[in-house]
Amino acid sequence: MNETEWIICTICGRKTHNKIREDTVLKNYPLYCPKCKQETLIDAKDLQITVIQKQEH
């Protein structure tokens, strides 16, 4: 069984509405946080999140 985790917002530190599994690979994914209303461009692999760019609205 694959492990899953919530993606945490890199700006406010809260859970987003997205989950990733340990075999999920994301590249240039626009992660939107409904709580702080910010969007961040991320990469994800092996449950590790890397921030590419933070966008202020």
PDB file of N, CA and C in Angstrom:
ATOM      1  N   MET A   1       0.843  -1.190   0.000  1.00  0.00           N
ATOM      2  CA  MET A   1       0.000   0.000   0.000  1.00  0.00           C
ATOM      3  C   MET A   1       0.883   1.247   0.000  1.00  0.00           C
ATOM      4  N   ASN A   2       0.506   2.213  -0.811  1.00  0.00           N
ATOM      5  CA  ASN A   2       1.288   3.435  -0.944  1.00  0.00           C
ATOM      6  C   ASN A   2       0.963   4.415   0.175  1.00  0.00           C
ATOM      7  N   GLU A   3       2.004   5.070   0.674  1.00  0.00           N
ATOM      8  CA  GLU A   3       1.842   6.100   1.698  1.00  0.00           C
ATOM      9  C   GLU A   3       1.366   7.380   1.022  1.00  0.00           C
ATOM     10  N   THR A   4       0.442   8.110   1.674  1.00  0.00           N
ATOM     11  CA  THR A   4      -0.026   9.388   1.143  1.00  0.00           C
ATOM     12  C   THR A   4       0.173  10.469   2.188  1.00  0.00           C
ATOM     13  N   GLU A   5       0.363  11.688   1.717  1.00  0.00           N
ATOM     14  CA  GLU A   5       0.524  12.851   2.592  1.00  0.00           C
ATOM     15  C   GLU A   5      -0.187  14.039   1.967  1.00  0.00           C
ATOM     16  N   TRP A   6      -0.678  14.931   2.830  1.00  0.00           N
ATOM     17  CA  TRP A   6      -1.229  16.194   2.353  1.00  0.00           C
ATOM     18  C   TRP A   6      -0.070  17.071   1.896  1.00  0.00           C
ATOM     19  N   ILE A   7      -0.292  17.844   0.854  1.00  0.00           N
ATOM     20  CA  ILE A   7       0.696  18.846   0.459  1.00  0.00           C
ATOM     21  C   ILE A   7       0.479  20.059   1.358  1.00  0.00           C
ATOM     22  N   ILE A   8       1.544  20.509   1.994  1.00  0.00           N
ATOM     23  CA  ILE A   8       1.500  21.650   2.900  1.00  0.00           C
ATOM     24  C   ILE A   8       1.870  22.913   2.129  1.00  0.00           C
ATOM     25  N   CYS A   9       1.112  23.980   2.356  1.00  0.00           N
ATOM     26  CA  CYS A   9       1.400  25.266   1.710  1.00  0.00           C
ATOM     27  C   CYS A   9       2.773  25.749   2.162  1.00  0.00           C
ATOM     28  N   THR A  10       3.584  26.175   1.212  1.00  0.00           N
ATOM     29  CA  THR A  10       4.935  26.632   1.532  1.00  0.00           C
ATOM     30  C   THR A  10       4.932  28.058   2.088  1.00  0.00           C
ATOM     31  N   ILE A  11       3.797  28.744   1.992  1.00  0.00           N
ATOM     32  CA  ILE A  11       3.715  30.123   2.470  1.00  0.00           C
ATOM     33  C   ILE A  11       3.145  30.188   3.886  1.00  0.00           C
ATOM     34  N   CYS A  12       1.969  29.571   4.104  1.00  0.00           N
ATOM     35  CA  CYS A  12       1.321  29.671   5.418  1.00  0.00           C
ATOM     36  C   CYS A  12       1.492  28.418   6.278  1.00  0.00           C
ATOM     37  N   GLY A  13       1.907  27.292   5.679  1.00  0.00           N
ATOM     38  CA  GLY A  13       2.163  26.078   6.445  1.00  0.00           C
ATOM     39  C   GLY A  13       0.939  25.220   6.739  1.00  0.00           C
ATOM     40  N   ARG A  14      -0.195  25.543   6.142  1.00  0.00           N
ATOM     41  CA  ARG A  14      -1.412  24.757   6.350  1.00  0.00           C
ATOM     42  C   ARG A  14      -1.598  23.730   5.242  1.00  0.00           C
ATOM     43  N   LYS A  15      -2.489  22.768   5.490  1.00  0.00           N
ATOM     44  CA  LYS A  15      -2.795  21.757   4.486  1.00  0.00           C
ATOM     45  C   LYS A  15      -3.538  22.378   3.315  1.00  0.00           C
ATOM     46  N   THR A  16      -3.180  21.947   2.112  1.00  0.00           N
ATOM     47  CA  THR A  16      -3.938  22.341   0.926  1.00  0.00           C
ATOM     48  C   THR A  16      -4.977  21.248   0.674  1.00  0.00           C
ATOM     49  N   HIS A  17      -5.700  21.334  -0.409  1.00  0.00           N
ATOM     50  CA  HIS A  17      -6.704  20.321  -0.738  1.00  0.00           C
ATOM     51  C   HIS A  17      -6.105  19.187  -1.554  1.00  0.00           C
ATOM     52  N   ASN A  18      -4.785  19.118  -1.653  1.00  0.00           N
ATOM     53  CA  ASN A  18      -4.119  18.129  -2.483  1.00  0.00           C
ATOM     54  C   ASN A  18      -3.365  17.113  -1.637  1.00  0.00           C
ATOM     55  N   LYS A  19      -3.427  15.859  -2.061  1.00  0.00           N
ATOM     56  CA  LYS A  19      -2.638  14.794  -1.454  1.00  0.00           C
ATOM     57  C   LYS A  19      -1.707  14.229  -2.520  1.00  0.00           C
ATOM     58  N   ILE A  20      -0.557  13.733  -2.079  1.00  0.00           N
ATOM     59  CA  ILE A  20       0.336  13.026  -2.999  1.00  0.00           C
ATOM     60  C   ILE A  20       0.672  11.677  -2.400  1.00  0.00           C
ATOM     61  N   ARG A  21       0.933  10.717  -3.279  1.00  0.00           N
ATOM     62  CA  ARG A  21       1.375   9.394  -2.854  1.00  0.00           C
ATOM     63  C   ARG A  21       2.885   9.323  -3.023  1.00  0.00           C
ATOM     64  N   GLU A  22       3.494   8.275  -2.453  1.00  0.00           N
ATOM     65  CA  GLU A  22       4.952   8.168  -2.540  1.00  0.00           C
ATOM     66  C   GLU A  22       5.430   7.939  -3.967  1.00  0.00           C
ATOM     67  N   ASP A  23       4.551   7.475  -4.862  1.00  0.00           N
ATOM     68  CA  ASP A  23       4.946   7.280  -6.261  1.00  0.00           C
ATOM     69  C   ASP A  23       4.478   8.426  -7.173  1.00  0.00           C
ATOM     70  N   THR A  24       3.984   9.520  -6.582  1.00  0.00           N
ATOM     71  CA  THR A  24       3.548  10.683  -7.354  1.00  0.00           C
ATOM     72  C   THR A  24       4.742  11.516  -7.790  1.00  0.00           C
ATOM     73  N   VAL A  25       4.711  11.944  -9.043  1.00  0.00           N
ATOM     74  CA  VAL A  25       5.740  12.844  -9.566  1.00  0.00           C
ATOM     75  C   VAL A  25       5.024  14.057 -10.160  1.00  0.00           C
ATOM     76  N   LEU A  26       5.337  15.239  -9.642  1.00  0.00           N
ATOM     77  CA  LEU A  26       4.778  16.488 -10.157  1.00  0.00           C
ATOM     78  C   LEU A  26       5.917  17.355 -10.663  1.00  0.00           C
ATOM     79  N   LYS A  27       5.703  18.007 -11.787  1.00  0.00           N
ATOM     80  CA  LYS A  27       6.713  18.911 -12.328  1.00  0.00           C
ATOM     81  C   LYS A  27       5.996  20.185 -12.757  1.00  0.00           C
ATOM     82  N   ASN A  28       6.476  21.316 -12.243  1.00  0.00           N
ATOM     83  CA  ASN A  28       5.878  22.620 -12.541  1.00  0.00           C
ATOM     84  C   ASN A  28       4.385  22.643 -12.199  1.00  0.00           C
ATOM     85  N   TYR A  29       4.042  22.130 -11.022  1.00  0.00           N
ATOM     86  CA  TYR A  29       2.648  22.055 -10.581  1.00  0.00           C
ATOM     87  C   TYR A  29       2.251  23.355  -9.872  1.00  0.00           C
ATOM     88  N   PRO A  30       1.189  24.029 -10.335  1.00  0.00           N
ATOM     89  CA  PRO A  30       0.745  25.259  -9.672  1.00  0.00           C
ATOM     90  C   PRO A  30      -0.108  24.922  -8.444  1.00  0.00           C
ATOM     91  N   LEU A  31       0.499  24.918  -7.282  1.00  0.00           N
ATOM     92  CA  LEU A  31      -0.182  24.595  -6.027  1.00  0.00           C
ATOM     93  C   LEU A  31      -0.873  25.844  -5.500  1.00  0.00           C
ATOM     94  N   TYR A  32      -2.195  25.779  -5.364  1.00  0.00           N
ATOM     95  CA  TYR A  32      -2.972  26.900  -4.854  1.00  0.00           C
ATOM     96  C   TYR A  32      -3.414  26.586  -3.432  1.00  0.00           C
ATOM     97  N   CYS A  33      -3.222  27.531  -2.529  1.00  0.00           N
ATOM     98  CA  CYS A  33      -3.656  27.379  -1.145  1.00  0.00           C
ATOM     99  C   CYS A  33      -4.949  28.164  -0.956  1.00  0.00           C
ATOM    100  N   PRO A  34      -6.056  27.484  -0.611  1.00  0.00           N
ATOM    101  CA  PRO A  34      -7.323  28.197  -0.428  1.00  0.00           C
ATOM    102  C   PRO A  34      -7.353  29.045   0.843  1.00  0.00           C
ATOM    103  N   LYS A  35      -6.444  28.809   1.745  1.00  0.00           N
ATOM    104  CA  LYS A  35      -6.449  29.542   3.010  1.00  0.00           C
ATOM    105  C   LYS A  35      -5.757  30.899   2.883  1.00  0.00           C
ATOM    106  N   CYS A  36      -4.548  30.914   2.302  1.00  0.00           N
ATOM    107  CA  CYS A  36      -3.846  32.194   2.151  1.00  0.00           C
ATOM    108  C   CYS A  36      -4.004  32.791   0.750  1.00  0.00           C
ATOM    109  N   LYS A  37      -4.694  32.061  -0.125  1.00  0.00           N
ATOM    110  CA  LYS A  37      -5.012  32.528  -1.484  1.00  0.00           C
ATOM    111  C   LYS A  37      -3.762  32.828  -2.321  1.00  0.00           C
ATOM    112  N   GLN A  38      -2.702  32.058  -2.098  1.00  0.00           N
ATOM    113  CA  GLN A  38      -1.461  32.233  -2.849  1.00  0.00           C
ATOM    114  C   GLN A  38      -1.206  31.003  -3.715  1.00  0.00           C
ATOM    115  N   GLU A  39      -0.490  31.196  -4.789  1.00  0.00           N
ATOM    116  CA  GLU A  39      -0.131  30.103  -5.679  1.00  0.00           C
ATOM    117  C   GLU A  39       1.388  29.953  -5.701  1.00  0.00           C
ATOM    118  N   THR A  40       1.856  28.715  -5.642  1.00  0.00           N
ATOM    119  CA  THR A  40       3.274  28.418  -5.658  1.00  0.00           C
ATOM    120  C   THR A  40       3.530  27.349  -6.708  1.00  0.00           C
ATOM    121  N   LEU A  41       4.574  27.495  -7.478  1.00  0.00           N
ATOM    122  CA  LEU A  41       4.953  26.501  -8.470  1.00  0.00           C
ATOM    123  C   LEU A  41       5.891  25.509  -7.798  1.00  0.00           C
ATOM    124  N   ILE A  42       5.533  24.195  -7.811  1.00  0.00           N
ATOM    125  CA  ILE A  42       6.322  23.197  -7.098  1.00  0.00           C
ATOM    126  C   ILE A  42       6.650  22.000  -7.987  1.00  0.00           C
ATOM    127  N   ASP A  43       7.652  21.252  -7.560  1.00  0.00           N
ATOM    128  CA  ASP A  43       7.953  19.919  -8.061  1.00  0.00           C
ATOM    129  C   ASP A  43       7.806  18.976  -6.882  1.00  0.00           C
ATOM    130  N   ALA A  44       7.402  17.732  -7.137  1.00  0.00           N
ATOM    131  CA  ALA A  44       7.281  16.740  -6.065  1.00  0.00           C
ATOM    132  C   ALA A  44       7.723  15.383  -6.584  1.00  0.00           C
ATOM    133  N   LYS A  45       8.519  14.694  -5.766  1.00  0.00           N
ATOM    134  CA  LYS A  45       8.961  13.343  -6.087  1.00  0.00           C
ATOM    135  C   LYS A  45       9.353  12.666  -4.784  1.00  0.00           C
ATOM    136  N   ASP A  46       8.931  11.426  -4.583  1.00  0.00           N
ATOM    137  CA  ASP A  46       9.226  10.656  -3.367  1.00  0.00           C
ATOM    138  C   ASP A  46       8.792  11.402  -2.108  1.00  0.00           C
ATOM    139  N   LEU A  47       7.607  12.035  -2.160  1.00  0.00           N
ATOM    140  CA  LEU A  47       7.025  12.802  -1.050  1.00  0.00           C
ATOM    141  C   LEU A  47       7.858  14.017  -0.642  1.00  0.00           C
ATOM    142  N   GLN A  48       8.781  14.450  -1.483  1.00  0.00           N
ATOM    143  CA  GLN A  48       9.594  15.637  -1.229  1.00  0.00           C
ATOM    144  C   GLN A  48       9.119  16.766  -2.147  1.00  0.00           C
ATOM    145  N   ILE A  49       8.834  17.914  -1.547  1.00  0.00           N
ATOM    146  CA  ILE A  49       8.345  19.078  -2.290  1.00  0.00           C
ATOM    147  C   ILE A  49       9.489  20.072  -2.482  1.00  0.00           C
ATOM    148  N   THR A  50       9.649  20.545  -3.705  1.00  0.00           N
ATOM    149  CA  THR A  50      10.644  21.567  -4.020  1.00  0.00           C
ATOM    150  C   THR A  50       9.914  22.775  -4.602  1.00  0.00           C
ATOM    151  N   VAL A  51      10.153  23.952  -4.032  1.00  0.00           N
ATOM    152  CA  VAL A  51       9.522  25.182  -4.509  1.00  0.00           C
ATOM    153  C   VAL A  51      10.322  25.720  -5.683  1.00  0.00           C
ATOM    154  N   ILE A  52       9.630  25.999  -6.778  1.00  0.00           N
ATOM    155  CA  ILE A  52      10.275  26.575  -7.946  1.00  0.00           C
ATOM    156  C   ILE A  52      10.107  28.089  -7.922  1.00  0.00           C
ATOM    157  N   GLN A  53       8.863  28.548  -7.662  1.00  0.00           N
ATOM    158  CA  GLN A  53       8.598  29.980  -7.707  1.00  0.00           C
ATOM    159  C   GLN A  53       7.375  30.288  -6.863  1.00  0.00           C
ATOM    160  N   LYS A  54       7.465  31.343  -6.068  1.00  0.00           N
ATOM    161  CA  LYS A  54       6.312  31.818  -5.301  1.00  0.00           C
ATOM    162  C   LYS A  54       5.701  32.974  -6.061  1.00  0.00           C
ATOM    163  N   GLN A  55       4.376  32.960  -6.185  1.00  0.00           N
ATOM    164  CA  GLN A  55       3.694  34.022  -6.908  1.00  0.00           C
ATOM    165  C   GLN A  55       2.786  34.773  -5.953  1.00  0.00           C
ATOM    166  N   GLU A  56       2.947  36.078  -5.915  1.00  0.00           N
ATOM    167  CA  GLU A  56       2.111  36.939  -5.072  1.00  0.00           C
ATOM    168  C   GLU A  56       0.984  37.482  -5.939  1.00  0.00           C
ATOM    169  N   HIS A  57      -0.247  37.468  -5.439  1.00  0.00           N
ATOM    170  CA  HIS A  57      -1.393  38.013  -6.183  1.00  0.00           C
ATOM    171  C   HIS A  57      -1.809  39.312  -5.583  1.00  0.00           C
TER     172      HIS A  57
END
